[in-house]
């Protein structure tokens, strides 16, 4: 839900902070059900969601590339193409974990989404050095631009028709907004 923080005061009896919100919704029934209950509250600055058009185009390219490079003995999915592109873009967090914690870290990290990948770099002294890649759902405009550029380049190498540079720029500007 979105809205604005309109007032901050101190509650007279409890001496705890009290806030007032003005919501961008008239959906009051749900809020009435929550009144008086213990809640988990998270308030953050508003950030526009990424453009679904840029994301959709990313998946269109992944699908076209997958279909073009699939051969009878080796099926390549759009998800395979996407994961490979994520690894090639290289937006990751390097980490060192104990060997006994590695499988758990991998399971938890990859549960975040399809593009959240873990690449083992090395093992030494019962520790594993890994690169934890972020999925495109976390990408800013520059990072998403790199991902789409890579996919467009791959598509062109395979003689797959792509959007014009102007159209792609428009998708990315919408992402930035």
N, C-alpha and C. Protein backbone atom coordinates (compact mmCIF):
# COMPACT_ATOMS: atom_id res chain seq x y z
N UNK A 1 0.85 -1.17 0.00
CA UNK A 1 0.00 0.00 0.00
C UNK A 1 0.90 1.24 0.00
N UNK A 2 0.44 2.28 -0.63
CA UNK A 2 1.21 3.51 -0.69
C UNK A 2 0.45 4.64 0.00
N UNK A 3 1.19 5.63 0.42
CA UNK A 3 0.59 6.79 1.06
C UNK A 3 1.67 7.72 1.57
N UNK A 4 1.27 8.60 2.49
CA UNK A 4 2.22 9.56 3.05
C UNK A 4 2.14 9.54 4.57
N UNK A 5 3.28 9.73 5.19
CA UNK A 5 3.35 9.91 6.63
C UNK A 5 3.02 11.38 6.88
N UNK A 6 1.91 11.63 7.57
CA UNK A 6 1.45 13.02 7.69
C UNK A 6 1.69 13.63 9.06
N UNK A 7 1.88 12.79 10.10
CA UNK A 7 2.09 13.36 11.43
C UNK A 7 2.83 12.38 12.31
N UNK A 8 3.69 12.91 13.15
CA UNK A 8 4.41 12.11 14.15
C UNK A 8 4.23 12.82 15.48
N UNK A 9 3.83 12.06 16.49
CA UNK A 9 3.65 12.65 17.82
C UNK A 9 4.04 11.60 18.86
N UNK A 10 3.99 11.97 20.12
CA UNK A 10 4.26 11.05 21.22
C UNK A 10 2.93 10.77 21.93
N UNK A 11 2.64 9.47 22.09
CA UNK A 11 1.42 9.08 22.80
C UNK A 11 1.52 9.51 24.25
N UNK A 12 0.49 10.18 24.75
CA UNK A 12 0.47 10.74 26.10
C UNK A 12 0.66 9.67 27.18
N UNK A 13 -0.03 8.54 27.06
CA UNK A 13 0.03 7.52 28.11
C UNK A 13 1.28 6.65 28.03
N UNK A 14 1.58 6.14 26.86
CA UNK A 14 2.71 5.20 26.72
C UNK A 14 4.06 5.88 26.48
N UNK A 15 4.03 7.13 26.08
CA UNK A 15 5.24 7.89 25.76
C UNK A 15 5.98 7.31 24.54
N UNK A 16 5.25 6.58 23.71
CA UNK A 16 5.83 5.97 22.51
C UNK A 16 5.43 6.80 21.29
N UNK A 17 6.26 6.73 20.24
CA UNK A 17 5.93 7.46 19.01
C UNK A 17 4.61 6.98 18.41
N UNK A 18 3.89 7.91 17.85
CA UNK A 18 2.61 7.63 17.23
C UNK A 18 2.64 8.31 15.86
N UNK A 19 2.25 7.57 14.83
CA UNK A 19 2.28 8.15 13.49
C UNK A 19 0.89 8.16 12.87
N UNK A 20 0.71 9.06 11.92
CA UNK A 20 -0.54 9.13 11.18
C UNK A 20 -0.20 9.01 9.70
N UNK A 21 -0.95 8.17 9.00
CA UNK A 21 -0.71 7.93 7.58
C UNK A 21 -1.92 8.36 6.76
N UNK A 22 -1.67 8.91 5.60
CA UNK A 22 -2.71 9.19 4.63
C UNK A 22 -2.46 8.22 3.47
N UNK A 23 -3.38 7.26 3.29
CA UNK A 23 -3.19 6.19 2.32
C UNK A 23 -3.78 6.54 0.97
N UNK A 24 -3.16 6.00 -0.08
CA UNK A 24 -3.65 6.21 -1.44
C UNK A 24 -4.69 5.15 -1.80
N UNK A 25 -5.52 4.79 -0.86
CA UNK A 25 -6.54 3.77 -1.08
C UNK A 25 -7.73 4.06 -0.19
N UNK A 26 -8.89 3.72 -0.65
CA UNK A 26 -10.10 3.87 0.16
C UNK A 26 -10.51 2.54 0.78
N UNK A 27 -9.65 1.53 0.69
CA UNK A 27 -9.93 0.19 1.20
C UNK A 27 -9.78 0.17 2.71
N UNK A 28 -10.87 0.46 3.40
CA UNK A 28 -10.82 0.59 4.86
C UNK A 28 -11.21 -0.69 5.59
N UNK A 29 -11.95 -1.57 4.93
CA UNK A 29 -12.42 -2.80 5.57
C UNK A 29 -11.25 -3.63 6.11
N UNK A 30 -10.23 -3.81 5.28
CA UNK A 30 -9.06 -4.59 5.68
C UNK A 30 -8.37 -3.95 6.88
N UNK A 31 -8.25 -2.64 6.87
CA UNK A 31 -7.59 -1.93 7.96
C UNK A 31 -8.39 -2.04 9.26
N UNK A 32 -9.70 -2.00 9.17
CA UNK A 32 -10.53 -2.13 10.37
C UNK A 32 -10.32 -3.48 11.04
N UNK A 33 -10.08 -4.52 10.24
CA UNK A 33 -9.84 -5.86 10.77
C UNK A 33 -8.52 -5.91 11.55
N UNK A 34 -7.59 -5.04 11.25
CA UNK A 34 -6.27 -5.03 11.89
C UNK A 34 -6.23 -4.18 13.16
N UNK A 35 -7.22 -3.33 13.32
CA UNK A 35 -7.22 -2.39 14.44
C UNK A 35 -7.11 -3.12 15.78
N UNK A 36 -6.15 -2.69 16.60
CA UNK A 36 -5.97 -3.26 17.93
C UNK A 36 -5.09 -4.51 17.96
N UNK A 37 -4.75 -5.07 16.79
CA UNK A 37 -3.91 -6.27 16.74
C UNK A 37 -2.43 -5.89 16.77
N UNK A 38 -1.60 -6.80 17.25
CA UNK A 38 -0.15 -6.64 17.17
C UNK A 38 0.24 -6.84 15.71
N UNK A 39 0.95 -5.88 15.12
CA UNK A 39 1.28 -5.91 13.70
C UNK A 39 2.79 -5.88 13.48
N UNK A 40 3.21 -6.43 12.36
CA UNK A 40 4.56 -6.23 11.85
C UNK A 40 4.44 -5.10 10.85
N UNK A 41 5.15 -4.01 11.08
CA UNK A 41 4.99 -2.82 10.25
C UNK A 41 6.32 -2.51 9.57
N UNK A 42 6.25 -2.26 8.28
CA UNK A 42 7.43 -1.86 7.53
C UNK A 42 7.06 -0.65 6.69
N UNK A 43 7.76 0.44 6.90
CA UNK A 43 7.51 1.66 6.13
C UNK A 43 8.82 2.01 5.43
N UNK A 44 8.73 2.32 4.16
CA UNK A 44 9.92 2.62 3.39
C UNK A 44 9.58 3.70 2.37
N UNK A 45 10.61 4.39 1.88
CA UNK A 45 10.40 5.37 0.82
C UNK A 45 9.84 4.67 -0.40
N UNK A 46 8.93 5.33 -1.09
CA UNK A 46 8.33 4.76 -2.29
C UNK A 46 9.35 4.69 -3.42
N UNK A 47 9.39 3.55 -4.08
CA UNK A 47 10.21 3.38 -5.28
C UNK A 47 9.29 2.83 -6.35
N UNK A 48 9.34 3.41 -7.52
CA UNK A 48 8.53 2.89 -8.62
C UNK A 48 8.97 1.48 -8.95
N UNK A 49 8.01 0.64 -9.23
CA UNK A 49 8.32 -0.71 -9.66
C UNK A 49 8.95 -0.64 -11.03
N UNK A 50 9.74 -1.66 -11.34
CA UNK A 50 10.36 -1.67 -12.65
C UNK A 50 9.30 -1.84 -13.73
N UNK A 51 9.62 -1.40 -14.90
CA UNK A 51 8.70 -1.49 -16.02
C UNK A 51 8.48 -2.94 -16.40
N UNK A 52 7.23 -3.34 -16.47
CA UNK A 52 6.94 -4.70 -16.90
C UNK A 52 7.30 -4.87 -18.37
N UNK A 53 7.27 -3.76 -19.13
CA UNK A 53 7.62 -3.86 -20.54
C UNK A 53 9.08 -4.25 -20.72
N UNK A 54 9.99 -3.65 -19.94
CA UNK A 54 11.41 -4.01 -20.03
C UNK A 54 11.60 -5.45 -19.58
N UNK A 55 10.93 -5.83 -18.51
CA UNK A 55 11.03 -7.20 -18.02
C UNK A 55 10.43 -8.17 -19.03
N UNK A 56 9.29 -7.82 -19.59
CA UNK A 56 8.65 -8.69 -20.58
C UNK A 56 9.54 -8.85 -21.80
N UNK A 57 10.18 -7.76 -22.23
CA UNK A 57 11.06 -7.84 -23.39
C UNK A 57 12.27 -8.73 -23.10
N UNK A 58 12.78 -8.65 -21.90
CA UNK A 58 13.87 -9.53 -21.48
C UNK A 58 13.47 -10.99 -21.70
N UNK A 59 12.25 -11.33 -21.26
CA UNK A 59 11.78 -12.72 -21.39
C UNK A 59 11.47 -13.10 -22.83
N UNK A 60 11.01 -12.15 -23.63
CA UNK A 60 10.78 -12.41 -25.06
C UNK A 60 12.10 -12.79 -25.72
N UNK A 61 13.14 -12.02 -25.42
CA UNK A 61 14.46 -12.31 -25.99
C UNK A 61 14.98 -13.67 -25.52
N UNK A 62 14.84 -13.95 -24.23
CA UNK A 62 15.29 -15.24 -23.69
C UNK A 62 14.59 -16.39 -24.41
N UNK A 63 13.30 -16.25 -24.64
CA UNK A 63 12.51 -17.29 -25.30
C UNK A 63 12.95 -17.48 -26.75
N UNK A 64 13.13 -16.37 -27.48
CA UNK A 64 13.55 -16.46 -28.88
C UNK A 64 14.94 -17.09 -29.01
N UNK A 65 15.84 -16.69 -28.12
CA UNK A 65 17.20 -17.24 -28.15
C UNK A 65 17.16 -18.74 -27.85
N UNK A 66 16.39 -19.12 -26.83
CA UNK A 66 16.28 -20.54 -26.46
C UNK A 66 15.77 -21.38 -27.63
N UNK A 67 14.74 -20.89 -28.30
CA UNK A 67 14.16 -21.63 -29.43
C UNK A 67 15.16 -21.75 -30.58
N UNK A 68 15.95 -20.72 -30.77
CA UNK A 68 16.91 -20.72 -31.88
C UNK A 68 18.09 -21.67 -31.63
N UNK A 69 18.52 -21.78 -30.38
CA UNK A 69 19.71 -22.61 -30.10
C UNK A 69 19.37 -24.03 -29.65
N UNK A 70 18.08 -24.33 -29.48
CA UNK A 70 17.67 -25.68 -29.12
C UNK A 70 17.85 -26.61 -30.31
N UNK A 71 18.43 -27.75 -30.04
CA UNK A 71 18.59 -28.80 -31.05
C UNK A 71 17.94 -30.07 -30.49
N UNK A 72 17.63 -31.05 -31.34
CA UNK A 72 16.91 -32.23 -30.85
C UNK A 72 17.52 -32.91 -29.62
N UNK A 73 18.82 -32.97 -29.53
CA UNK A 73 19.46 -33.66 -28.41
C UNK A 73 19.70 -32.76 -27.20
N UNK A 74 19.52 -31.45 -27.35
CA UNK A 74 19.81 -30.52 -26.25
C UNK A 74 18.77 -29.39 -26.24
N UNK A 75 17.77 -29.57 -25.40
CA UNK A 75 16.73 -28.56 -25.27
C UNK A 75 17.24 -27.45 -24.35
N UNK A 76 17.13 -26.22 -24.82
CA UNK A 76 17.51 -25.05 -24.03
C UNK A 76 16.24 -24.27 -23.75
N UNK A 77 16.02 -23.95 -22.47
CA UNK A 77 14.80 -23.21 -22.11
C UNK A 77 15.11 -21.72 -21.99
N UNK A 78 14.05 -20.91 -21.99
CA UNK A 78 14.24 -19.47 -21.78
C UNK A 78 14.84 -19.22 -20.40
N UNK A 79 14.52 -20.07 -19.43
CA UNK A 79 15.10 -19.94 -18.08
C UNK A 79 16.61 -20.19 -18.11
N UNK A 80 17.06 -21.15 -18.93
CA UNK A 80 18.49 -21.41 -19.09
C UNK A 80 19.21 -20.18 -19.65
N UNK A 81 18.59 -19.56 -20.67
CA UNK A 81 19.18 -18.37 -21.30
C UNK A 81 19.25 -17.24 -20.29
N UNK A 82 18.18 -17.06 -19.51
CA UNK A 82 18.13 -16.00 -18.49
C UNK A 82 19.23 -16.20 -17.45
N UNK A 83 19.35 -17.41 -16.94
CA UNK A 83 20.37 -17.69 -15.91
C UNK A 83 21.78 -17.45 -16.45
N UNK A 84 22.01 -17.87 -17.68
CA UNK A 84 23.32 -17.64 -18.30
C UNK A 84 23.60 -16.14 -18.43
N UNK A 85 22.57 -15.37 -18.79
CA UNK A 85 22.74 -13.91 -18.92
C UNK A 85 23.03 -13.28 -17.56
N UNK A 86 22.36 -13.75 -16.52
CA UNK A 86 22.61 -13.24 -15.16
C UNK A 86 24.07 -13.48 -14.78
N UNK A 87 24.57 -14.67 -15.06
CA UNK A 87 25.98 -14.98 -14.76
C UNK A 87 26.93 -14.11 -15.58
N UNK A 88 26.56 -13.82 -16.82
CA UNK A 88 27.42 -13.00 -17.68
C UNK A 88 27.42 -11.53 -17.30
N UNK A 89 26.31 -11.02 -16.78
CA UNK A 89 26.24 -9.62 -16.35
C UNK A 89 27.12 -9.42 -15.14
N UNK A 90 27.13 -10.38 -14.24
CA UNK A 90 28.09 -10.38 -13.13
C UNK A 90 27.76 -9.50 -11.95
N UNK A 91 26.49 -9.32 -11.62
CA UNK A 91 26.13 -8.54 -10.44
C UNK A 91 25.98 -9.53 -9.29
N UNK A 92 27.01 -9.58 -8.44
CA UNK A 92 27.03 -10.59 -7.40
C UNK A 92 27.68 -10.07 -6.12
N UNK A 93 27.47 -10.82 -5.06
CA UNK A 93 28.09 -10.54 -3.76
C UNK A 93 29.04 -11.70 -3.47
N UNK A 94 30.36 -11.43 -3.37
CA UNK A 94 31.27 -12.52 -3.01
C UNK A 94 31.14 -12.84 -1.52
N UNK A 95 31.20 -14.12 -1.18
CA UNK A 95 31.10 -14.53 0.22
C UNK A 95 32.01 -15.72 0.47
N UNK A 96 32.38 -15.89 1.73
CA UNK A 96 33.10 -17.08 2.17
C UNK A 96 32.27 -17.70 3.28
N UNK A 97 31.92 -18.97 3.11
CA UNK A 97 31.11 -19.67 4.11
C UNK A 97 31.78 -20.99 4.48
N UNK A 98 31.46 -21.48 5.66
CA UNK A 98 31.94 -22.79 6.06
C UNK A 98 31.28 -23.84 5.17
N UNK A 99 32.04 -24.91 4.87
CA UNK A 99 31.51 -25.98 4.03
C UNK A 99 30.18 -26.50 4.55
N UNK A 100 30.07 -26.64 5.86
CA UNK A 100 28.84 -27.21 6.43
C UNK A 100 27.63 -26.28 6.26
N UNK A 101 27.87 -25.00 6.01
CA UNK A 101 26.77 -24.03 5.83
C UNK A 101 26.46 -23.77 4.36
N UNK A 102 27.30 -24.27 3.48
CA UNK A 102 27.18 -23.96 2.05
C UNK A 102 25.83 -24.39 1.46
N UNK A 103 25.43 -25.64 1.69
CA UNK A 103 24.18 -26.13 1.10
C UNK A 103 22.97 -25.33 1.59
N UNK A 104 22.99 -24.97 2.87
CA UNK A 104 21.89 -24.19 3.43
C UNK A 104 21.85 -22.79 2.81
N UNK A 105 23.00 -22.15 2.69
CA UNK A 105 23.08 -20.83 2.05
C UNK A 105 22.56 -20.91 0.61
N UNK A 106 22.99 -21.91 -0.10
CA UNK A 106 22.57 -22.08 -1.50
C UNK A 106 21.06 -22.24 -1.59
N UNK A 107 20.49 -23.06 -0.74
CA UNK A 107 19.04 -23.30 -0.74
C UNK A 107 18.28 -22.01 -0.46
N UNK A 108 18.70 -21.28 0.57
CA UNK A 108 18.03 -20.04 0.96
C UNK A 108 18.19 -18.97 -0.11
N UNK A 109 19.40 -18.81 -0.64
CA UNK A 109 19.66 -17.78 -1.65
C UNK A 109 18.82 -18.02 -2.90
N UNK A 110 18.80 -19.27 -3.36
CA UNK A 110 18.11 -19.58 -4.61
C UNK A 110 16.59 -19.55 -4.47
N UNK A 111 16.08 -19.60 -3.26
CA UNK A 111 14.63 -19.50 -3.04
C UNK A 111 14.09 -18.11 -3.37
N UNK A 112 14.98 -17.12 -3.46
CA UNK A 112 14.56 -15.74 -3.71
C UNK A 112 14.06 -15.52 -5.13
N UNK A 113 14.43 -16.39 -6.04
CA UNK A 113 13.98 -16.24 -7.42
C UNK A 113 14.89 -16.94 -8.40
N UNK A 114 14.43 -17.02 -9.62
CA UNK A 114 15.13 -17.75 -10.68
C UNK A 114 16.55 -17.24 -10.94
N UNK A 115 16.74 -15.93 -10.86
CA UNK A 115 18.04 -15.35 -11.17
C UNK A 115 19.01 -15.29 -10.00
N UNK A 116 18.58 -15.73 -8.83
CA UNK A 116 19.45 -15.73 -7.66
C UNK A 116 20.26 -17.02 -7.67
N UNK A 117 21.47 -16.90 -8.17
CA UNK A 117 22.33 -18.05 -8.41
C UNK A 117 23.55 -18.01 -7.50
N UNK A 118 24.10 -19.18 -7.24
CA UNK A 118 25.34 -19.26 -6.47
C UNK A 118 26.36 -20.03 -7.30
N UNK A 119 27.51 -19.42 -7.43
CA UNK A 119 28.60 -20.03 -8.18
C UNK A 119 29.76 -20.29 -7.21
N UNK A 120 30.14 -21.54 -7.09
CA UNK A 120 31.26 -21.88 -6.22
C UNK A 120 32.56 -21.48 -6.93
N UNK A 121 33.42 -20.75 -6.20
CA UNK A 121 34.67 -20.28 -6.77
C UNK A 121 35.83 -21.17 -6.36
N UNK A 122 35.90 -21.48 -5.05
CA UNK A 122 36.98 -22.34 -4.57
C UNK A 122 36.65 -22.89 -3.19
N UNK A 123 37.44 -23.89 -2.76
CA UNK A 123 37.32 -24.46 -1.42
C UNK A 123 38.71 -24.52 -0.81
N UNK A 124 38.76 -24.13 0.47
CA UNK A 124 40.04 -24.17 1.18
C UNK A 124 39.77 -24.12 2.68
N UNK A 125 40.48 -24.92 3.45
CA UNK A 125 40.37 -24.92 4.91
C UNK A 125 38.93 -25.00 5.40
N UNK A 126 38.18 -25.94 4.82
CA UNK A 126 36.79 -26.19 5.21
C UNK A 126 35.87 -24.97 4.98
N UNK A 127 36.29 -24.09 4.06
CA UNK A 127 35.48 -22.94 3.68
C UNK A 127 35.25 -22.95 2.17
N UNK A 128 34.15 -22.37 1.76
CA UNK A 128 33.80 -22.28 0.35
C UNK A 128 33.69 -20.80 -0.02
N UNK A 129 34.42 -20.42 -1.06
CA UNK A 129 34.30 -19.06 -1.58
C UNK A 129 33.27 -19.11 -2.71
N UNK A 130 32.25 -18.24 -2.62
CA UNK A 130 31.17 -18.26 -3.60
C UNK A 130 30.85 -16.85 -4.09
N UNK A 131 30.23 -16.80 -5.24
CA UNK A 131 29.64 -15.56 -5.75
C UNK A 131 28.13 -15.77 -5.75
N UNK A 132 27.42 -14.89 -5.03
CA UNK A 132 25.96 -14.95 -4.95
C UNK A 132 25.39 -13.91 -5.90
N UNK A 133 24.82 -14.36 -7.01
CA UNK A 133 24.30 -13.48 -8.05
C UNK A 133 22.88 -13.04 -7.72
N UNK A 134 22.61 -11.77 -8.02
CA UNK A 134 21.29 -11.19 -7.81
C UNK A 134 20.44 -11.36 -9.06
N UNK A 135 19.17 -11.68 -8.88
CA UNK A 135 18.24 -11.76 -10.00
C UNK A 135 17.87 -10.37 -10.49
N UNK A 136 17.34 -10.30 -11.70
CA UNK A 136 17.04 -9.01 -12.32
C UNK A 136 15.94 -8.25 -11.59
N UNK A 137 15.20 -8.91 -10.72
CA UNK A 137 14.16 -8.20 -9.96
C UNK A 137 14.77 -7.14 -9.04
N UNK A 138 16.06 -7.25 -8.78
CA UNK A 138 16.74 -6.27 -7.92
C UNK A 138 17.49 -5.22 -8.74
N UNK A 139 17.51 -5.36 -10.05
CA UNK A 139 18.33 -4.50 -10.90
C UNK A 139 17.80 -3.08 -10.97
N UNK A 140 18.74 -2.14 -11.03
CA UNK A 140 18.38 -0.76 -11.34
C UNK A 140 18.40 -0.61 -12.86
N UNK A 141 18.15 0.60 -13.34
CA UNK A 141 18.06 0.83 -14.78
C UNK A 141 19.35 0.47 -15.51
N UNK A 142 20.48 0.85 -14.95
CA UNK A 142 21.77 0.58 -15.59
C UNK A 142 22.01 -0.93 -15.70
N UNK A 143 21.72 -1.64 -14.62
CA UNK A 143 21.94 -3.08 -14.61
C UNK A 143 20.99 -3.79 -15.58
N UNK A 144 19.72 -3.35 -15.59
CA UNK A 144 18.76 -3.96 -16.51
C UNK A 144 19.14 -3.64 -17.95
N UNK A 145 19.67 -2.46 -18.18
CA UNK A 145 20.13 -2.09 -19.50
C UNK A 145 21.24 -3.03 -19.98
N UNK A 146 22.16 -3.36 -19.08
CA UNK A 146 23.24 -4.30 -19.43
C UNK A 146 22.68 -5.68 -19.78
N UNK A 147 21.70 -6.12 -19.00
CA UNK A 147 21.10 -7.43 -19.25
C UNK A 147 20.42 -7.47 -20.62
N UNK A 148 19.62 -6.45 -20.90
CA UNK A 148 18.92 -6.41 -22.19
C UNK A 148 19.91 -6.24 -23.34
N UNK A 149 20.94 -5.42 -23.15
CA UNK A 149 21.99 -5.25 -24.18
C UNK A 149 22.64 -6.59 -24.51
N UNK A 150 22.96 -7.36 -23.48
CA UNK A 150 23.58 -8.67 -23.69
C UNK A 150 22.65 -9.58 -24.49
N UNK A 151 21.37 -9.61 -24.10
CA UNK A 151 20.40 -10.47 -24.79
C UNK A 151 20.17 -10.01 -26.22
N UNK A 152 20.14 -8.71 -26.45
CA UNK A 152 19.98 -8.17 -27.81
C UNK A 152 21.19 -8.58 -28.66
N UNK A 153 22.38 -8.46 -28.09
CA UNK A 153 23.60 -8.85 -28.81
C UNK A 153 23.55 -10.34 -29.19
N UNK A 154 23.16 -11.18 -28.23
CA UNK A 154 23.05 -12.62 -28.52
C UNK A 154 22.01 -12.88 -29.61
N UNK A 155 20.88 -12.18 -29.52
CA UNK A 155 19.81 -12.35 -30.51
C UNK A 155 20.30 -11.96 -31.90
N UNK A 156 20.98 -10.84 -32.00
CA UNK A 156 21.48 -10.38 -33.30
C UNK A 156 22.48 -11.36 -33.89
N UNK A 157 23.33 -11.94 -33.03
CA UNK A 157 24.30 -12.94 -33.51
C UNK A 157 23.60 -14.17 -34.06
N UNK A 158 22.37 -14.41 -33.61
CA UNK A 158 21.59 -15.56 -34.07
C UNK A 158 20.58 -15.17 -35.15
N UNK A 159 20.71 -13.95 -35.68
CA UNK A 159 19.80 -13.40 -36.70
C UNK A 159 18.35 -13.37 -36.22
N UNK A 160 18.17 -13.02 -34.96
CA UNK A 160 16.83 -12.85 -34.39
C UNK A 160 16.52 -11.36 -34.42
N UNK A 161 15.35 -11.03 -34.91
CA UNK A 161 14.94 -9.62 -34.99
C UNK A 161 14.74 -9.07 -33.58
N UNK A 162 15.23 -7.85 -33.36
CA UNK A 162 15.10 -7.20 -32.04
C UNK A 162 14.45 -5.83 -32.22
N UNK A 163 14.04 -5.26 -31.13
CA UNK A 163 13.50 -3.89 -31.15
C UNK A 163 14.62 -2.93 -31.53
N UNK A 164 14.24 -1.77 -32.02
CA UNK A 164 15.24 -0.75 -32.36
C UNK A 164 15.84 -0.20 -31.07
N UNK A 165 16.97 0.45 -31.21
CA UNK A 165 17.64 1.06 -30.06
C UNK A 165 16.73 2.10 -29.39
N UNK A 166 15.98 2.83 -30.19
CA UNK A 166 15.05 3.85 -29.68
C UNK A 166 13.97 3.19 -28.84
N UNK A 167 13.41 2.08 -29.32
CA UNK A 167 12.36 1.36 -28.58
C UNK A 167 12.92 0.80 -27.26
N UNK A 168 14.12 0.27 -27.30
CA UNK A 168 14.74 -0.29 -26.09
C UNK A 168 15.02 0.83 -25.09
N UNK A 169 15.53 1.96 -25.57
CA UNK A 169 15.76 3.11 -24.68
C UNK A 169 14.47 3.55 -24.02
N UNK A 170 13.37 3.51 -24.77
CA UNK A 170 12.07 3.90 -24.23
C UNK A 170 11.64 2.95 -23.12
N UNK A 171 11.86 1.65 -23.32
CA UNK A 171 11.53 0.66 -22.28
C UNK A 171 12.34 0.93 -21.01
N UNK A 172 13.61 1.25 -21.18
CA UNK A 172 14.49 1.46 -20.04
C UNK A 172 14.19 2.78 -19.32
N UNK A 173 13.78 3.80 -20.08
CA UNK A 173 13.39 5.06 -19.45
C UNK A 173 12.15 4.85 -18.59
N UNK A 174 11.23 4.03 -19.08
CA UNK A 174 10.02 3.69 -18.33
C UNK A 174 10.42 2.93 -17.05
N UNK A 175 11.42 2.07 -17.16
CA UNK A 175 11.95 1.32 -16.00
C UNK A 175 12.47 2.30 -14.96
N UNK A 176 13.20 3.31 -15.44
CA UNK A 176 13.81 4.30 -14.53
C UNK A 176 12.76 5.10 -13.78
N UNK A 177 11.62 5.38 -14.43
CA UNK A 177 10.56 6.13 -13.78
C UNK A 177 9.94 5.32 -12.69
